[in-house]
Amino acid sequence: MRVIAELPHPQCKISIFSMNQKFIVKFEQGPYEQSYKISELDLTGGGVNEVFQIIDETFIETVVERFKTMRSDFTSAYQRQQ
């Protein structure tokens, strides 16, 4: 797996990897991460540029909201064990 791009964003780290005819888009925020796999066969030939189009600001906003939910879920689970 190799990194082919990193997108700057103030709320999370965004990396795009290439592996086994798939693009893997990984979002990281602190100890949490989300990954999305996109088969090269599902794209119309635009390659990584097409992946950039998919990762628009609307999608990134939903990812950031999901990070908030992940943090809340983990905090609740952790507190139940205390």
N, C-alpha and C. Protein backbone atom coordinates (compact mmCIF):
# COMPACT_ATOMS: atom_id res chain seq x y z
N MET A 1 0.86 -1.16 0.00
CA MET A 1 0.00 0.00 0.00
C MET A 1 0.91 1.23 0.00
N ARG A 2 0.62 2.13 -0.90
CA ARG A 2 1.45 3.33 -0.97
C ARG A 2 0.59 4.58 -0.97
N VAL A 3 1.08 5.61 -0.33
CA VAL A 3 0.39 6.89 -0.29
C VAL A 3 0.57 7.56 -1.64
N ILE A 4 -0.55 7.97 -2.25
CA ILE A 4 -0.43 8.67 -3.53
C ILE A 4 -0.83 10.14 -3.42
N ALA A 5 -1.53 10.49 -2.32
CA ALA A 5 -1.90 11.89 -2.13
C ALA A 5 -2.30 12.14 -0.68
N GLU A 6 -2.11 13.37 -0.26
CA GLU A 6 -2.61 13.84 1.03
C GLU A 6 -3.30 15.16 0.77
N LEU A 7 -4.50 15.29 1.32
CA LEU A 7 -5.27 16.52 1.13
C LEU A 7 -5.25 17.31 2.43
N PRO A 8 -4.85 18.56 2.37
CA PRO A 8 -4.86 19.37 3.59
C PRO A 8 -6.28 19.72 3.99
N HIS A 9 -6.57 19.58 5.27
CA HIS A 9 -7.87 19.97 5.80
C HIS A 9 -7.68 20.32 7.27
N PRO A 10 -8.32 21.39 7.73
CA PRO A 10 -8.08 21.83 9.11
C PRO A 10 -8.67 20.91 10.18
N GLN A 11 -9.64 20.07 9.84
CA GLN A 11 -10.31 19.26 10.87
C GLN A 11 -9.88 17.80 10.91
N CYS A 12 -9.18 17.33 9.88
CA CYS A 12 -8.74 15.94 9.88
C CYS A 12 -7.63 15.76 8.84
N LYS A 13 -6.91 14.68 8.99
CA LYS A 13 -5.88 14.33 8.03
C LYS A 13 -6.54 13.42 6.98
N ILE A 14 -6.30 13.70 5.72
CA ILE A 14 -6.88 12.91 4.64
C ILE A 14 -5.75 12.36 3.78
N SER A 15 -5.69 11.04 3.68
CA SER A 15 -4.66 10.37 2.88
C SER A 15 -5.34 9.46 1.87
N ILE A 16 -4.76 9.38 0.68
CA ILE A 16 -5.26 8.48 -0.35
C ILE A 16 -4.16 7.49 -0.66
N PHE A 17 -4.50 6.21 -0.57
CA PHE A 17 -3.56 5.13 -0.83
C PHE A 17 -4.01 4.38 -2.08
N SER A 18 -3.06 3.67 -2.67
CA SER A 18 -3.36 2.79 -3.79
C SER A 18 -2.89 1.39 -3.42
N MET A 19 -3.78 0.41 -3.59
CA MET A 19 -3.44 -0.97 -3.28
C MET A 19 -4.41 -1.92 -3.98
N ASN A 20 -3.88 -2.90 -4.70
CA ASN A 20 -4.69 -3.96 -5.32
C ASN A 20 -5.87 -3.41 -6.13
N GLN A 21 -5.59 -2.48 -7.01
CA GLN A 21 -6.60 -1.88 -7.89
C GLN A 21 -7.73 -1.20 -7.11
N LYS A 22 -7.38 -0.66 -5.94
CA LYS A 22 -8.33 0.09 -5.13
C LYS A 22 -7.66 1.36 -4.64
N PHE A 23 -8.47 2.38 -4.50
CA PHE A 23 -8.04 3.57 -3.79
C PHE A 23 -8.62 3.48 -2.40
N ILE A 24 -7.82 3.75 -1.40
CA ILE A 24 -8.28 3.75 -0.02
C ILE A 24 -8.14 5.19 0.48
N VAL A 25 -9.27 5.75 0.87
CA VAL A 25 -9.28 7.11 1.39
C VAL A 25 -9.39 7.01 2.90
N LYS A 26 -8.38 7.52 3.60
CA LYS A 26 -8.35 7.41 5.06
C LYS A 26 -8.41 8.79 5.68
N PHE A 27 -9.36 8.95 6.59
CA PHE A 27 -9.53 10.18 7.36
C PHE A 27 -9.09 9.88 8.78
N GLU A 28 -8.30 10.76 9.37
CA GLU A 28 -7.84 10.58 10.74
C GLU A 28 -8.10 11.85 11.53
N GLN A 29 -8.56 11.64 12.75
CA GLN A 29 -8.75 12.76 13.68
C GLN A 29 -8.43 12.22 15.07
N GLY A 30 -7.28 12.61 15.61
CA GLY A 30 -6.86 12.08 16.90
C GLY A 30 -6.74 10.57 16.84
N PRO A 31 -7.31 9.85 17.81
CA PRO A 31 -7.19 8.39 17.83
C PRO A 31 -8.20 7.67 16.93
N TYR A 32 -9.01 8.42 16.22
CA TYR A 32 -10.08 7.82 15.41
C TYR A 32 -9.72 7.89 13.94
N GLU A 33 -10.19 6.89 13.18
CA GLU A 33 -9.98 6.92 11.74
C GLU A 33 -11.15 6.26 11.02
N GLN A 34 -11.36 6.71 9.80
CA GLN A 34 -12.38 6.15 8.92
C GLN A 34 -11.72 5.88 7.58
N SER A 35 -12.04 4.74 6.98
CA SER A 35 -11.47 4.39 5.68
C SER A 35 -12.58 4.03 4.71
N TYR A 36 -12.38 4.42 3.46
CA TYR A 36 -13.33 4.12 2.40
C TYR A 36 -12.54 3.55 1.23
N LYS A 37 -12.98 2.41 0.72
CA LYS A 37 -12.31 1.76 -0.40
C LYS A 37 -13.12 1.99 -1.67
N ILE A 38 -12.41 2.39 -2.72
CA ILE A 38 -13.05 2.64 -4.00
C ILE A 38 -12.31 1.81 -5.05
N SER A 39 -13.01 0.90 -5.67
CA SER A 39 -12.40 0.09 -6.71
C SER A 39 -12.10 0.95 -7.93
N GLU A 40 -10.94 0.76 -8.50
CA GLU A 40 -10.60 1.50 -9.73
C GLU A 40 -11.59 1.17 -10.84
N LEU A 41 -12.17 -0.02 -10.80
CA LEU A 41 -13.14 -0.43 -11.82
C LEU A 41 -14.45 0.34 -11.72
N ASP A 42 -14.74 0.89 -10.53
CA ASP A 42 -15.97 1.67 -10.33
C ASP A 42 -15.84 3.10 -10.83
N LEU A 43 -14.63 3.50 -11.16
CA LEU A 43 -14.40 4.86 -11.64
C LEU A 43 -14.43 4.87 -13.17
N THR A 44 -14.65 6.04 -13.72
CA THR A 44 -14.79 6.14 -15.18
C THR A 44 -13.47 6.42 -15.89
N GLY A 45 -12.36 6.23 -15.21
CA GLY A 45 -11.06 6.41 -15.84
C GLY A 45 -10.32 7.65 -15.39
N GLY A 46 -10.89 8.40 -14.47
CA GLY A 46 -10.25 9.62 -14.00
C GLY A 46 -9.17 9.40 -12.96
N GLY A 47 -9.04 8.16 -12.49
CA GLY A 47 -8.01 7.85 -11.51
C GLY A 47 -8.17 8.64 -10.23
N VAL A 48 -7.04 9.03 -9.68
CA VAL A 48 -7.05 9.72 -8.39
C VAL A 48 -7.77 11.07 -8.50
N ASN A 49 -7.76 11.70 -9.64
CA ASN A 49 -8.49 12.96 -9.81
C ASN A 49 -9.99 12.76 -9.61
N GLU A 50 -10.49 11.62 -10.02
CA GLU A 50 -11.90 11.30 -9.80
C GLU A 50 -12.18 11.10 -8.31
N VAL A 51 -11.23 10.53 -7.60
CA VAL A 51 -11.37 10.36 -6.15
C VAL A 51 -11.44 11.73 -5.49
N PHE A 52 -10.61 12.67 -5.95
CA PHE A 52 -10.66 14.04 -5.42
C PHE A 52 -12.04 14.64 -5.58
N GLN A 53 -12.70 14.37 -6.70
CA GLN A 53 -14.04 14.91 -6.94
C GLN A 53 -15.06 14.29 -5.98
N ILE A 54 -14.89 13.03 -5.65
CA ILE A 54 -15.81 12.35 -4.73
C ILE A 54 -15.68 12.94 -3.33
N ILE A 55 -14.45 13.25 -2.94
CA ILE A 55 -14.19 13.77 -1.59
C ILE A 55 -14.43 15.29 -1.61
N ASP A 56 -15.66 15.67 -1.75
CA ASP A 56 -15.98 17.09 -1.74
C ASP A 56 -16.23 17.57 -0.30
N GLU A 57 -16.43 18.85 -0.14
CA GLU A 57 -16.58 19.42 1.21
C GLU A 57 -17.82 18.87 1.93
N THR A 58 -18.88 18.60 1.19
CA THR A 58 -20.09 18.02 1.80
C THR A 58 -19.78 16.66 2.40
N PHE A 59 -19.04 15.82 1.67
CA PHE A 59 -18.67 14.50 2.19
C PHE A 59 -17.77 14.64 3.41
N ILE A 60 -16.80 15.54 3.34
CA ILE A 60 -15.88 15.74 4.46
C ILE A 60 -16.64 16.18 5.71
N GLU A 61 -17.65 17.03 5.54
CA GLU A 61 -18.46 17.46 6.68
C GLU A 61 -19.15 16.28 7.35
N THR A 62 -19.65 15.33 6.56
CA THR A 62 -20.30 14.15 7.16
C THR A 62 -19.27 13.27 7.87
N VAL A 63 -18.08 13.19 7.33
CA VAL A 63 -17.01 12.43 7.99
C VAL A 63 -16.67 13.07 9.34
N VAL A 64 -16.55 14.38 9.38
CA VAL A 64 -16.23 15.08 10.63
C VAL A 64 -17.35 14.88 11.65
N GLU A 65 -18.60 14.92 11.21
CA GLU A 65 -19.72 14.66 12.12
C GLU A 65 -19.67 13.23 12.66
N ARG A 66 -19.29 12.30 11.80
CA ARG A 66 -19.17 10.90 12.23
C ARG A 66 -18.07 10.76 13.28
N PHE A 67 -16.99 11.52 13.15
CA PHE A 67 -15.94 11.51 14.17
C PHE A 67 -16.51 11.95 15.52
N LYS A 68 -17.37 12.94 15.52
CA LYS A 68 -18.00 13.39 16.77
C LYS A 68 -18.83 12.27 17.38
N THR A 69 -19.57 11.54 16.54
CA THR A 69 -20.37 10.41 17.02
C THR A 69 -19.47 9.30 17.55
N MET A 70 -18.38 9.03 16.85
CA MET A 70 -17.45 8.00 17.29
C MET A 70 -16.88 8.36 18.66
N ARG A 71 -16.48 9.62 18.82
CA ARG A 71 -15.92 10.07 20.10
C ARG A 71 -16.94 9.91 21.22
N SER A 72 -18.18 10.31 20.95
CA SER A 72 -19.25 10.20 21.94
C SER A 72 -19.53 8.75 22.30
N ASP A 73 -19.59 7.89 21.29
CA ASP A 73 -19.83 6.46 21.53
C ASP A 73 -18.73 5.85 22.39
N PHE A 74 -17.48 6.18 22.07
CA PHE A 74 -16.37 5.62 22.83
C PHE A 74 -16.37 6.15 24.26
N THR A 75 -16.61 7.45 24.42
CA THR A 75 -16.64 8.04 25.76
C THR A 75 -17.72 7.38 26.61
N SER A 76 -18.90 7.16 26.03
CA SER A 76 -19.99 6.49 26.76
C SER A 76 -19.61 5.08 27.15
N ALA A 77 -19.01 4.33 26.24
CA ALA A 77 -18.60 2.96 26.54
C ALA A 77 -17.53 2.95 27.63
N TYR A 78 -16.60 3.87 27.55
CA TYR A 78 -15.53 3.95 28.54
C TYR A 78 -16.10 4.28 29.92
N GLN A 79 -17.02 5.22 29.98
CA GLN A 79 -17.59 5.62 31.25
C GLN A 79 -18.44 4.50 31.88
N ARG A 80 -19.04 3.67 31.10
CA ARG A 80 -19.81 2.54 31.63
C ARG A 80 -18.91 1.55 32.37
N GLN A 81 -17.65 1.53 32.01
CA GLN A 81 -16.71 0.60 32.64
C GLN A 81 -16.08 1.16 33.90
N GLN A 82 -16.32 2.41 34.20
CA GLN A 82 -15.71 3.05 35.38
C GLN A 82 -16.53 2.81 36.61
